[in-house]
Amino acid sequence: EKDYREGDLKLRNLEYKLKKKEVDARIKIENEKFEFEKRIKEHFEQKLKELELRVKELEINYKHSESNDKVHKAYTLYMLDALS
């Protein structure tokens, strides 16, 4: 019976160690998944910020270009009026 108890204790100890390794592996996987998702999110947030800045630049350039067109048209009309 002593051998049986020792064998049972060893078996329980091995089962505990196996469960602990399973739990540790799950925790490690979840941590890696979290870190990966965090890096992906940061990457796309950075890309979004870059795109938003580019859109602002394009809007400013468009307004500047539109303003230049108006000045050019006004100047052309002024010159045509002056010539006539």
PDB file of N, CA and C in Angstrom:
ATOM      1  N   GLU A   1       0.830  -1.206   0.000  1.00  0.00           N
ATOM      2  CA  GLU A   1       0.000   0.000   0.000  1.00  0.00           C
ATOM      3  C   GLU A   1       0.869   1.262   0.000  1.00  0.00           C
ATOM      4  N   LYS A   2       2.036   1.175   0.642  1.00  0.00           N
ATOM      5  CA  LYS A   2       2.943   2.320   0.663  1.00  0.00           C
ATOM      6  C   LYS A   2       3.381   2.664  -0.761  1.00  0.00           C
ATOM      7  N   ASP A   3       3.741   1.658  -1.535  1.00  0.00           N
ATOM      8  CA  ASP A   3       4.138   1.882  -2.926  1.00  0.00           C
ATOM      9  C   ASP A   3       2.998   2.516  -3.717  1.00  0.00           C
ATOM     10  N   TYR A   4       1.778   2.061  -3.414  1.00  0.00           N
ATOM     11  CA  TYR A   4       0.605   2.610  -4.106  1.00  0.00           C
ATOM     12  C   TYR A   4       0.463   4.098  -3.801  1.00  0.00           C
ATOM     13  N   ARG A   5       0.615   4.457  -2.510  1.00  0.00           N
ATOM     14  CA  ARG A   5       0.494   5.878  -2.126  1.00  0.00           C
ATOM     15  C   ARG A   5       1.605   6.713  -2.754  1.00  0.00           C
ATOM     16  N   GLU A   6       2.808   6.188  -2.738  1.00  0.00           N
ATOM     17  CA  GLU A   6       3.921   6.917  -3.353  1.00  0.00           C
ATOM     18  C   GLU A   6       3.685   7.091  -4.854  1.00  0.00           C
ATOM     19  N   GLY A   7       3.220   6.039  -5.501  1.00  0.00           N
ATOM     20  CA  GLY A   7       2.914   6.114  -6.930  1.00  0.00           C
ATOM     21  C   GLY A   7       1.793   7.109  -7.195  1.00  0.00           C
ATOM     22  N   ASP A   8       0.784   7.105  -6.326  1.00  0.00           N
ATOM     23  CA  ASP A   8      -0.337   8.037  -6.468  1.00  0.00           C
ATOM     24  C   ASP A   8       0.138   9.477  -6.290  1.00  0.00           C
ATOM     25  N   LEU A   9       1.004   9.700  -5.303  1.00  0.00           N
ATOM     26  CA  LEU A   9       1.546  11.047  -5.079  1.00  0.00           C
ATOM     27  C   LEU A   9       2.388  11.503  -6.264  1.00  0.00           C
ATOM     28  N   LYS A  10       3.204  10.607  -6.793  1.00  0.00           N
ATOM     29  CA  LYS A  10       4.025  10.958  -7.959  1.00  0.00           C
ATOM     30  C   LYS A  10       3.136  11.296  -9.151  1.00  0.00           C
ATOM     31  N   LEU A  11       2.077  10.490  -9.332  1.00  0.00           N
ATOM     32  CA  LEU A  11       1.153  10.734 -10.433  1.00  0.00           C
ATOM     33  C   LEU A  11       0.467  12.085 -10.268  1.00  0.00           C
ATOM     34  N   ARG A  12      -0.008  12.363  -9.058  1.00  0.00           N
ATOM     35  CA  ARG A  12      -0.649  13.669  -8.808  1.00  0.00           C
ATOM     36  C   ARG A  12       0.326  14.816  -9.025  1.00  0.00           C
ATOM     37  N   ASN A  13       1.554  14.623  -8.590  1.00  0.00           N
ATOM     38  CA  ASN A  13       2.584  15.646  -8.766  1.00  0.00           C
ATOM     39  C   ASN A  13       2.829  15.894 -10.256  1.00  0.00           C
ATOM     40  N   LEU A  14       2.917  14.828 -11.036  1.00  0.00           N
ATOM     41  CA  LEU A  14       3.117  14.973 -12.480  1.00  0.00           C
ATOM     42  C   LEU A  14       1.908  15.645 -13.133  1.00  0.00           C
ATOM     43  N   GLU A  15       0.699  15.269 -12.697  1.00  0.00           N
ATOM     44  CA  GLU A  15      -0.512  15.897 -13.234  1.00  0.00           C
ATOM     45  C   GLU A  15      -0.523  17.390 -12.915  1.00  0.00           C
ATOM     46  N   TYR A  16      -0.117  17.740 -11.694  1.00  0.00           N
ATOM     47  CA  TYR A  16      -0.057  19.149 -11.293  1.00  0.00           C
ATOM     48  C   TYR A  16       0.947  19.910 -12.164  1.00  0.00           C
ATOM     49  N   LYS A  17       2.122  19.315 -12.347  1.00  0.00           N
ATOM     50  CA  LYS A  17       3.149  19.966 -13.168  1.00  0.00           C
ATOM     51  C   LYS A  17       2.659  20.152 -14.603  1.00  0.00           C
ATOM     52  N   LEU A  18       1.971  19.134 -15.128  1.00  0.00           N
ATOM     53  CA  LEU A  18       1.436  19.226 -16.481  1.00  0.00           C
ATOM     54  C   LEU A  18       0.402  20.342 -16.573  1.00  0.00           C
ATOM     55  N   LYS A  19      -0.514  20.395 -15.605  1.00  0.00           N
ATOM     56  CA  LYS A  19      -1.534  21.459 -15.592  1.00  0.00           C
ATOM     57  C   LYS A  19      -0.870  22.827 -15.509  1.00  0.00           C
ATOM     58  N   LYS A  20       0.146  22.943 -14.654  1.00  0.00           N
ATOM     59  CA  LYS A  20       0.844  24.218 -14.500  1.00  0.00           C
ATOM     60  C   LYS A  20       1.491  24.629 -15.825  1.00  0.00           C
ATOM     61  N   LYS A  21       2.111  23.678 -16.516  1.00  0.00           N
ATOM     62  CA  LYS A  21       2.724  23.989 -17.811  1.00  0.00           C
ATOM     63  C   LYS A  21       1.665  24.412 -18.827  1.00  0.00           C
ATOM     64  N   GLU A  22       0.503  23.750 -18.798  1.00  0.00           N
ATOM     65  CA  GLU A  22      -0.585  24.128 -19.709  1.00  0.00           C
ATOM     66  C   GLU A  22      -1.047  25.556 -19.432  1.00  0.00           C
ATOM     67  N   VAL A  23      -1.227  25.873 -18.155  1.00  0.00           N
ATOM     68  CA  VAL A  23      -1.664  27.221 -17.772  1.00  0.00           C
ATOM     69  C   VAL A  23      -0.604  28.246 -18.160  1.00  0.00           C
ATOM     70  N   ASP A  24       0.653  27.946 -17.877  1.00  0.00           N
ATOM     71  CA  ASP A  24       1.743  28.861 -18.243  1.00  0.00           C
ATOM     72  C   ASP A  24       1.792  29.082 -19.757  1.00  0.00           C
ATOM     73  N   ALA A  25       1.589  28.000 -20.516  1.00  0.00           N
ATOM     74  CA  ALA A  25       1.607  28.121 -21.978  1.00  0.00           C
ATOM     75  C   ALA A  25       0.445  28.988 -22.454  1.00  0.00           C
ATOM     76  N   ARG A  26      -0.742  28.795 -21.872  1.00  0.00           N
ATOM     77  CA  ARG A  26      -1.894  29.625 -22.259  1.00  0.00           C
ATOM     78  C   ARG A  26      -1.640  31.094 -21.937  1.00  0.00           C
ATOM     79  N   ILE A  27      -1.074  31.349 -20.768  1.00  0.00           N
ATOM     80  CA  ILE A  27      -0.770  32.734 -20.374  1.00  0.00           C
ATOM     81  C   ILE A  27       0.240  33.340 -21.347  1.00  0.00           C
ATOM     82  N   LYS A  28       1.268  32.567 -21.682  1.00  0.00           N
ATOM     83  CA  LYS A  28       2.286  33.060 -22.615  1.00  0.00           C
ATOM     84  C   LYS A  28       1.662  33.373 -23.976  1.00  0.00           C
ATOM     85  N   ILE A  29       0.804  32.484 -24.458  1.00  0.00           N
ATOM     86  CA  ILE A  29       0.138  32.703 -25.752  1.00  0.00           C
ATOM     87  C   ILE A  29      -0.730  33.948 -25.696  1.00  0.00           C
ATOM     88  N   GLU A  30      -1.498  34.109 -24.622  1.00  0.00           N
ATOM     89  CA  GLU A  30      -2.361  35.289 -24.486  1.00  0.00           C
ATOM     90  C   GLU A  30      -1.532  36.572 -24.429  1.00  0.00           C
ATOM     91  N   ASN A  31      -0.409  36.534 -23.713  1.00  0.00           N
ATOM     92  CA  ASN A  31       0.464  37.712 -23.642  1.00  0.00           C
ATOM     93  C   ASN A  31       1.043  38.055 -25.011  1.00  0.00           C
ATOM     94  N   GLU A  32       1.495  37.039 -25.736  1.00  0.00           N
ATOM     95  CA  GLU A  32       2.039  37.272 -27.076  1.00  0.00           C
ATOM     96  C   GLU A  32       0.959  37.802 -28.012  1.00  0.00           C
ATOM     97  N   LYS A  33      -0.240  37.252 -27.897  1.00  0.00           N
ATOM     98  CA  LYS A  33      -1.365  37.719 -28.718  1.00  0.00           C
ATOM     99  C   LYS A  33      -1.669  39.184 -28.401  1.00  0.00           C
ATOM    100  N   PHE A  34      -1.701  39.516 -27.113  1.00  0.00           N
ATOM    101  CA  PHE A  34      -1.963  40.894 -26.694  1.00  0.00           C
ATOM    102  C   PHE A  34      -0.900  41.838 -27.242  1.00  0.00           C
ATOM    103  N   GLU A  35       0.373  41.465 -27.117  1.00  0.00           N
ATOM    104  CA  GLU A  35       1.470  42.306 -27.608  1.00  0.00           C
ATOM    105  C   GLU A  35       1.397  42.475 -29.124  1.00  0.00           C
ATOM    106  N   PHE A  36       1.077  41.398 -29.828  1.00  0.00           N
ATOM    107  CA  PHE A  36       0.959  41.466 -31.282  1.00  0.00           C
ATOM    108  C   PHE A  36      -0.173  42.411 -31.678  1.00  0.00           C
ATOM    109  N   GLU A  37      -1.340  42.246 -31.042  1.00  0.00           N
ATOM    110  CA  GLU A  37      -2.481  43.112 -31.346  1.00  0.00           C
ATOM    111  C   GLU A  37      -2.164  44.568 -31.017  1.00  0.00           C
ATOM    112  N   LYS A  38      -1.424  44.782 -29.925  1.00  0.00           N
ATOM    113  CA  LYS A  38      -1.040  46.140 -29.530  1.00  0.00           C
ATOM    114  C   LYS A  38      -0.130  46.769 -30.590  1.00  0.00           C
ATOM    115  N   ARG A  39       0.856  45.992 -31.072  1.00  0.00           N
ATOM    116  CA  ARG A  39       1.764  46.505 -32.110  1.00  0.00           C
ATOM    117  C   ARG A  39       1.009  46.810 -33.401  1.00  0.00           C
ATOM    118  N   ILE A  40       0.095  45.936 -33.775  1.00  0.00           N
ATOM    119  CA  ILE A  40      -0.705  46.155 -34.991  1.00  0.00           C
ATOM    120  C   ILE A  40      -1.535  47.423 -34.835  1.00  0.00           C
ATOM    121  N   LYS A  41      -2.177  47.575 -33.685  1.00  0.00           N
ATOM    122  CA  LYS A  41      -3.013  48.758 -33.433  1.00  0.00           C
ATOM    123  C   LYS A  41      -2.165  50.030 -33.496  1.00  0.00           C
ATOM    124  N   GLU A  42      -1.000  50.014 -32.840  1.00  0.00           N
ATOM    125  CA  GLU A  42      -0.115  51.183 -32.862  1.00  0.00           C
ATOM    126  C   GLU A  42       0.335  51.498 -34.289  1.00  0.00           C
ATOM    127  N   HIS A  43       0.643  50.458 -35.052  1.00  0.00           N
ATOM    128  CA  HIS A  43       1.083  50.643 -36.438  1.00  0.00           C
ATOM    129  C   HIS A  43      -0.002  51.349 -37.248  1.00  0.00           C
ATOM    130  N   PHE A  44      -1.232  50.848 -37.149  1.00  0.00           N
ATOM    131  CA  PHE A  44      -2.301  51.433 -37.951  1.00  0.00           C
ATOM    132  C   PHE A  44      -2.729  52.802 -37.435  1.00  0.00           C
ATOM    133  N   GLU A  45      -2.617  53.027 -36.125  1.00  0.00           N
ATOM    134  CA  GLU A  45      -2.897  54.370 -35.602  1.00  0.00           C
ATOM    135  C   GLU A  45      -1.880  55.364 -36.151  1.00  0.00           C
ATOM    136  N   GLN A  46      -0.615  54.955 -36.227  1.00  0.00           N
ATOM    137  CA  GLN A  46       0.431  55.813 -36.783  1.00  0.00           C
ATOM    138  C   GLN A  46       0.164  56.096 -38.255  1.00  0.00           C
ATOM    139  N   LYS A  47      -0.199  55.058 -39.009  1.00  0.00           N
ATOM    140  CA  LYS A  47      -0.511  55.238 -40.431  1.00  0.00           C
ATOM    141  C   LYS A  47      -1.703  56.171 -40.601  1.00  0.00           C
ATOM    142  N   LEU A  48      -2.706  56.037 -39.733  1.00  0.00           N
ATOM    143  CA  LEU A  48      -3.878  56.905 -39.799  1.00  0.00           C
ATOM    144  C   LEU A  48      -3.481  58.354 -39.541  1.00  0.00           C
ATOM    145  N   LYS A  49      -2.626  58.582 -38.547  1.00  0.00           N
ATOM    146  CA  LYS A  49      -2.160  59.948 -38.267  1.00  0.00           C
ATOM    147  C   LYS A  49      -1.414  60.523 -39.471  1.00  0.00           C
ATOM    148  N   GLU A  50      -0.569  59.700 -40.086  1.00  0.00           N
ATOM    149  CA  GLU A  50       0.171  60.157 -41.266  1.00  0.00           C
ATOM    150  C   GLU A  50      -0.787  60.522 -42.399  1.00  0.00           C
ATOM    151  N   LEU A  51      -1.802  59.699 -42.602  1.00  0.00           N
ATOM    152  CA  LEU A  51      -2.777  59.987 -43.657  1.00  0.00           C
ATOM    153  C   LEU A  51      -3.578  61.249 -43.348  1.00  0.00           C
ATOM    154  N   GLU A  52      -3.952  61.427 -42.079  1.00  0.00           N
ATOM    155  CA  GLU A  52      -4.688  62.636 -41.698  1.00  0.00           C
ATOM    156  C   GLU A  52      -3.848  63.883 -41.951  1.00  0.00           C
ATOM    157  N   LEU A  53      -2.557  63.815 -41.624  1.00  0.00           N
ATOM    158  CA  LEU A  53      -1.664  64.945 -41.899  1.00  0.00           C
ATOM    159  C   LEU A  53      -1.558  65.203 -43.396  1.00  0.00           C
ATOM    160  N   ARG A  54      -1.462  64.144 -44.174  1.00  0.00           N
ATOM    161  CA  ARG A  54      -1.364  64.290 -45.636  1.00  0.00           C
ATOM    162  C   ARG A  54      -2.634  64.929 -46.193  1.00  0.00           C
ATOM    163  N   VAL A  55      -3.795  64.531 -45.671  1.00  0.00           N
ATOM    164  CA  VAL A  55      -5.062  65.119 -46.117  1.00  0.00           C
ATOM    165  C   VAL A  55      -5.078  66.606 -45.794  1.00  0.00           C
ATOM    166  N   LYS A  56      -4.619  66.973 -44.592  1.00  0.00           N
ATOM    167  CA  LYS A  56      -4.571  68.396 -44.220  1.00  0.00           C
ATOM    168  C   LYS A  56      -3.653  69.169 -45.163  1.00  0.00           C
ATOM    169  N   GLU A  57      -2.491  68.578 -45.467  1.00  0.00           N
ATOM    170  CA  GLU A  57      -1.569  69.234 -46.408  1.00  0.00           C
ATOM    171  C   GLU A  57      -2.235  69.434 -47.766  1.00  0.00           C
ATOM    172  N   LEU A  58      -2.915  68.407 -48.239  1.00  0.00           N
ATOM    173  CA  LEU A  58      -3.581  68.504 -49.539  1.00  0.00           C
ATOM    174  C   LEU A  58      -4.687  69.552 -49.516  1.00  0.00           C
ATOM    175  N   GLU A  59      -5.430  69.620 -48.406  1.00  0.00           N
ATOM    176  CA  GLU A  59      -6.488  70.631 -48.286  1.00  0.00           C
ATOM    177  C   GLU A  59      -5.894  72.037 -48.316  1.00  0.00           C
ATOM    178  N   ILE A  60      -4.788  72.223 -47.592  1.00  0.00           N
ATOM    179  CA  ILE A  60      -4.128  73.537 -47.571  1.00  0.00           C
ATOM    180  C   ILE A  60      -3.625  73.887 -48.970  1.00  0.00           C
ATOM    181  N   ASN A  61      -2.976  72.921 -49.626  1.00  0.00           N
ATOM    182  CA  ASN A  61      -2.479  73.163 -50.986  1.00  0.00           C
ATOM    183  C   ASN A  61      -3.616  73.480 -51.942  1.00  0.00           C
ATOM    184  N   TYR A  62      -4.738  72.786 -51.790  1.00  0.00           N
ATOM    185  CA  TYR A  62      -5.886  73.025 -52.662  1.00  0.00           C
ATOM    186  C   TYR A  62      -6.434  74.432 -52.445  1.00  0.00           C
ATOM    187  N   LYS A  63      -6.575  74.828 -51.179  1.00  0.00           N
ATOM    188  CA  LYS A  63      -7.090  76.175 -50.884  1.00  0.00           C
ATOM    189  C   LYS A  63      -6.140  77.237 -51.424  1.00  0.00           C
ATOM    190  N   HIS A  64      -4.839  77.004 -51.262  1.00  0.00           N
ATOM    191  CA  HIS A  64      -3.833  77.939 -51.765  1.00  0.00           C
ATOM    192  C   HIS A  64      -3.923  78.023 -53.293  1.00  0.00           C
ATOM    193  N   SER A  65      -4.040  76.870 -53.918  1.00  0.00           N
ATOM    194  CA  SER A  65      -4.149  76.813 -55.378  1.00  0.00           C
ATOM    195  C   SER A  65      -5.429  77.502 -55.842  1.00  0.00           C
ATOM    196  N   GLU A  66      -6.527  77.257 -55.136  1.00  0.00           N
ATOM    197  CA  GLU A  66      -7.806  77.877 -55.477  1.00  0.00           C
ATOM    198  C   GLU A  66      -7.701  79.396 -55.342  1.00  0.00           C
ATOM    199  N   SER A  67      -7.029  79.848 -54.289  1.00  0.00           N
ATOM    200  CA  SER A  67      -6.831  81.280 -54.064  1.00  0.00           C
ATOM    201  C   SER A  67      -5.990  81.881 -55.187  1.00  0.00           C
ATOM    202  N   ASN A  68      -4.930  81.184 -55.592  1.00  0.00           N
ATOM    203  CA  ASN A  68      -4.081  81.658 -56.696  1.00  0.00           C
ATOM    204  C   ASN A  68      -4.874  81.756 -57.993  1.00  0.00           C
ATOM    205  N   ASP A  69      -5.751  80.779 -58.230  1.00  0.00           N
ATOM    206  CA  ASP A  69      -6.592  80.819 -59.437  1.00  0.00           C
ATOM    207  C   ASP A  69      -7.476  82.056 -59.439  1.00  0.00           C
ATOM    208  N   LYS A  70      -8.043  82.385 -58.282  1.00  0.00           N
ATOM    209  CA  LYS A  70      -8.921  83.561 -58.191  1.00  0.00           C
ATOM    210  C   LYS A  70      -8.132  84.843 -58.457  1.00  0.00           C
ATOM    211  N   VAL A  71      -6.933  84.924 -57.880  1.00  0.00           N
ATOM    212  CA  VAL A  71      -6.081  86.098 -58.089  1.00  0.00           C
ATOM    213  C   VAL A  71      -5.706  86.198 -59.567  1.00  0.00           C
ATOM    214  N   HIS A  72      -5.340  85.081 -60.171  1.00  0.00           N
ATOM    215  CA  HIS A  72      -4.960  85.063 -61.584  1.00  0.00           C
ATOM    216  C   HIS A  72      -6.133  85.506 -62.469  1.00  0.00           C
ATOM    217  N   LYS A  73      -7.327  84.993 -62.165  1.00  0.00           N
ATOM    218  CA  LYS A  73      -8.507  85.381 -62.952  1.00  0.00           C
ATOM    219  C   LYS A  73      -8.795  86.873 -62.795  1.00  0.00           C
ATOM    220  N   ALA A  74      -8.701  87.364 -61.563  1.00  0.00           N
ATOM    221  CA  ALA A  74      -8.959  88.788 -61.319  1.00  0.00           C
ATOM    222  C   ALA A  74      -7.932  89.645 -62.056  1.00  0.00           C
ATOM    223  N   TYR A  75      -6.671  89.245 -62.011  1.00  0.00           N
ATOM    224  CA  TYR A  75      -5.615  89.987 -62.694  1.00  0.00           C
ATOM    225  C   TYR A  75      -5.839  89.972 -64.207  1.00  0.00           C
ATOM    226  N   THR A  76      -6.212  88.800 -64.735  1.00  0.00           N
ATOM    227  CA  THR A  76      -6.481  88.686 -66.177  1.00  0.00           C
ATOM    228  C   THR A  76      -7.628  89.603 -66.577  1.00  0.00           C
ATOM    229  N   LEU A  77      -8.703  89.594 -65.790  1.00  0.00           N
ATOM    230  CA  LEU A  77      -9.839  90.475 -66.091  1.00  0.00           C
ATOM    231  C   LEU A  77      -9.428  91.943 -66.011  1.00  0.00           C
ATOM    232  N   TYR A  78      -8.599  92.279 -65.027  1.00  0.00           N
ATOM    233  CA  TYR A  78      -8.115  93.650 -64.872  1.00  0.00           C
ATOM    234  C   TYR A  78      -7.303  94.060 -66.101  1.00  0.00           C
ATOM    235  N   MET A  79      -6.404  93.166 -66.544  1.00  0.00           N
ATOM    236  CA  MET A  79      -5.564  93.472 -67.703  1.00  0.00           C
ATOM    237  C   MET A  79      -6.407  93.596 -68.979  1.00  0.00           C
ATOM    238  N   LEU A  80      -7.375  92.704 -69.135  1.00  0.00           N
ATOM    239  CA  LEU A  80      -8.252  92.783 -70.311  1.00  0.00           C
ATOM    240  C   LEU A  80      -9.056  94.080 -70.301  1.00  0.00           C
ATOM    241  N   ASP A  81      -9.515  94.456 -69.120  1.00  0.00           N
ATOM    242  CA  ASP A  81     -10.282  95.695 -68.984  1.00  0.00           C
ATOM    243  C   ASP A  81      -9.386  96.899 -69.285  1.00  0.00           C
ATOM    244  N   ALA A  82      -8.138  96.826 -68.811  1.00  0.00           N
ATOM    245  CA  ALA A  82      -7.207  97.935 -69.034  1.00  0.00           C
ATOM    246  C   ALA A  82      -6.855  98.067 -70.519  1.00  0.00           C
ATOM    247  N   LEU A  83      -6.794  96.950 -71.226  1.00  0.00           N
ATOM    248  CA  LEU A  83      -6.452  96.978 -72.648  1.00  0.00           C
ATOM    249  C   LEU A  83      -7.608  97.468 -73.523  1.00  0.00           C
ATOM    250  N   SER A  84      -8.811  97.339 -73.017  1.00  0.00           N
ATOM    251  CA  SER A  84      -9.938  97.734 -73.871  1.00  0.00           C
ATOM    252  C   SER A  84     -10.330  99.182 -73.721  1.00  0.00           C
TER     253      SER A  84
END
